[in-house]
Amino acid sequence: MPDSQIDEIIKLIFEAKKLTQDSKKFSQRYSPLHLRTLLFISANPNTVMKDIADLFGIAPPSATSLIEGMVKSGFIARSEDKTDRRNVRLHITRSGSLLLRAGLGHFKRKIRKVLKELTRQEQATLMLIIKKLSNN
């Protein structure tokens, strides 16, 4: 593929990112990064800090910084691992669940609006392409 096409793909990816990061955030204090963290923890009840670092491909101190802010805000709670005291388990709180529900609702409305521009076949193709690229 020529560089000009790769440049265009890069540009389109950055433009598509606007779908989840716009000026009309559902909250001024919380980002899609916070929602992704909450979604991961809610789906993985035995989450430890290393899991968060791996999820985002960041260093453990950066993951700790992210989680610390969310603990202080009351969206995540920590608990000791009864089998390995070196591990601290992360759990989503009631406040975190409420934020997650509100945030996902915001993004679902936004994505539905965008997807209305595509036919059902184009929507299905888009989903297949995203899955394929995400698994690569």
Protein backbone atom coordinates (compact mmCIF):
# COMPACT_ATOMS: atom_id res chain seq x y z
CA MET A 1 0.00 0.00 0.00
CA PRO A 2 1.44 3.41 -0.91
CA ASP A 3 2.36 5.92 1.81
CA SER A 4 -0.35 8.31 0.61
CA GLN A 5 -3.04 5.70 1.37
CA ILE A 6 -1.50 4.90 4.75
CA ASP A 7 -1.45 8.64 5.52
CA GLU A 8 -5.14 8.82 4.62
CA ILE A 9 -5.93 5.82 6.87
CA ILE A 10 -4.08 7.45 9.77
CA LYS A 11 -6.04 10.65 9.22
CA LEU A 12 -9.34 8.74 9.13
CA ILE A 13 -8.50 6.84 12.31
CA PHE A 14 -7.82 10.12 14.11
CA GLU A 15 -11.07 11.54 12.75
CA ALA A 16 -12.99 8.44 13.83
CA LYS A 17 -11.60 8.82 17.34
CA LYS A 18 -13.75 11.94 17.60
CA LEU A 19 -16.72 9.59 17.84
CA THR A 20 -15.82 8.89 21.45
CA GLN A 21 -13.95 12.07 22.36
CA ASP A 22 -15.90 15.18 21.53
CA SER A 23 -16.48 18.52 23.19
CA LYS A 24 -19.90 17.44 24.45
CA LYS A 25 -18.61 14.87 26.92
CA PHE A 26 -21.19 13.25 29.14
CA SER A 27 -19.10 14.55 32.02
CA GLN A 28 -16.38 17.17 32.22
CA ARG A 29 -14.48 15.16 34.85
CA TYR A 30 -14.40 11.68 33.30
CA SER A 31 -13.09 10.44 29.99
CA PRO A 32 -13.57 7.40 27.77
CA LEU A 33 -10.42 6.05 29.47
CA HIS A 34 -12.27 6.02 32.81
CA LEU A 35 -15.26 4.31 31.21
CA ARG A 36 -13.09 1.67 29.56
CA THR A 37 -11.45 1.00 32.92
CA LEU A 38 -14.82 0.64 34.65
CA LEU A 39 -16.13 -1.59 31.87
CA PHE A 40 -13.09 -3.85 32.12
CA ILE A 41 -13.28 -4.13 35.91
CA SER A 42 -17.01 -4.81 35.86
CA ALA A 43 -16.47 -7.63 33.33
CA ASN A 44 -13.41 -9.03 35.16
CA PRO A 45 -14.12 -9.30 38.88
CA ASN A 46 -10.62 -10.49 39.78
CA THR A 47 -8.85 -7.49 38.24
CA VAL A 48 -5.45 -6.48 39.64
CA MET A 49 -3.35 -3.43 38.80
CA LYS A 50 -1.22 -5.38 36.30
CA ASP A 51 -4.39 -6.15 34.32
CA ILE A 52 -5.09 -2.42 33.94
CA ALA A 53 -1.50 -1.73 32.85
CA ASP A 54 -1.74 -4.55 30.29
CA LEU A 55 -5.15 -3.38 29.06
CA PHE A 56 -3.84 0.04 28.10
CA GLY A 57 -0.24 -0.94 27.35
CA ILE A 58 1.09 1.42 30.03
CA ALA A 59 3.61 1.16 32.82
CA PRO A 60 2.33 0.01 36.24
CA PRO A 61 2.94 3.45 37.84
CA SER A 62 0.70 5.05 35.20
CA ALA A 63 -2.00 2.46 35.87
CA THR A 64 -1.66 3.16 39.59
CA SER A 65 -2.13 6.87 38.96
CA LEU A 66 -5.28 6.24 36.90
CA ILE A 67 -6.75 3.88 39.49
CA GLU A 68 -5.81 6.11 42.44
CA GLY A 69 -7.86 8.96 40.99
CA MET A 70 -10.82 6.66 40.44
CA VAL A 71 -10.55 5.27 43.99
CA LYS A 72 -10.50 8.83 45.39
CA SER A 73 -13.59 9.64 43.31
CA GLY A 74 -15.35 6.59 44.75
CA PHE A 75 -15.75 4.68 41.47
CA ILE A 76 -13.38 1.84 42.28
CA ALA A 77 -12.62 0.08 45.57
CA ARG A 78 -9.58 -1.97 46.49
CA SER A 79 -9.50 -5.17 48.51
CA GLU A 80 -6.75 -7.53 49.61
CA ASP A 81 -6.32 -10.79 47.76
CA LYS A 82 -6.83 -13.44 50.41
CA THR A 83 -4.55 -15.93 48.63
CA ASP A 84 -1.72 -13.54 47.67
CA ARG A 85 -1.27 -10.43 49.82
CA ARG A 86 0.95 -8.85 47.15
CA ASN A 87 -2.09 -8.45 44.90
CA VAL A 88 -4.79 -5.86 45.41
CA ARG A 89 -8.11 -6.63 43.73
CA LEU A 90 -10.09 -3.84 42.10
CA HIS A 91 -13.87 -3.68 42.23
CA ILE A 92 -16.36 -1.28 40.70
CA THR A 93 -18.49 0.58 43.28
CA ARG A 94 -22.15 1.59 43.05
CA SER A 95 -21.04 5.09 42.01
CA GLY A 96 -18.76 3.53 39.41
CA SER A 97 -21.64 1.43 38.07
CA LEU A 98 -23.82 4.53 37.78
CA LEU A 99 -21.08 6.43 35.96
CA LEU A 100 -20.50 3.48 33.65
CA ARG A 101 -24.20 3.19 32.83
CA ALA A 102 -24.47 6.93 32.11
CA GLY A 103 -21.30 6.97 30.03
CA LEU A 104 -22.23 3.92 27.97
CA GLY A 105 -25.67 5.43 27.37
CA HIS A 106 -24.01 8.60 26.09
CA PHE A 107 -21.75 6.71 23.69
CA LYS A 108 -24.51 4.37 22.51
CA ARG A 109 -26.66 7.36 21.54
CA LYS A 110 -23.73 8.93 19.75
CA ILE A 111 -22.76 5.77 17.85
CA ARG A 112 -26.39 5.08 16.87
CA LYS A 113 -26.56 8.56 15.38
CA VAL A 114 -23.37 7.96 13.38
CA LEU A 115 -24.44 4.48 12.25
CA LYS A 116 -27.69 5.85 10.80
CA GLU A 117 -25.52 7.12 7.93
CA LEU A 118 -24.67 3.51 7.00
CA THR A 119 -26.81 0.75 5.55
CA ARG A 120 -27.26 -2.43 7.60
CA GLN A 121 -24.77 -4.17 5.32
CA GLU A 122 -22.21 -1.37 5.80
CA GLN A 123 -22.75 -1.56 9.57
CA ALA A 124 -22.11 -5.32 9.52
CA THR A 125 -19.00 -4.84 7.36
CA LEU A 126 -17.71 -2.11 9.67
CA MET A 127 -18.14 -4.39 12.67
CA LEU A 128 -16.27 -7.23 10.94
CA ILE A 129 -13.41 -4.89 9.99
CA ILE A 130 -13.13 -3.48 13.50
CA LYS A 131 -13.12 -6.99 15.00
CA LYS A 132 -10.47 -8.16 12.56
CA LEU A 133 -8.22 -5.18 13.24
CA SER A 134 -8.73 -5.44 17.01
CA ASN A 135 -7.75 -9.11 17.03
CA ASN A 136 -4.63 -8.51 14.95
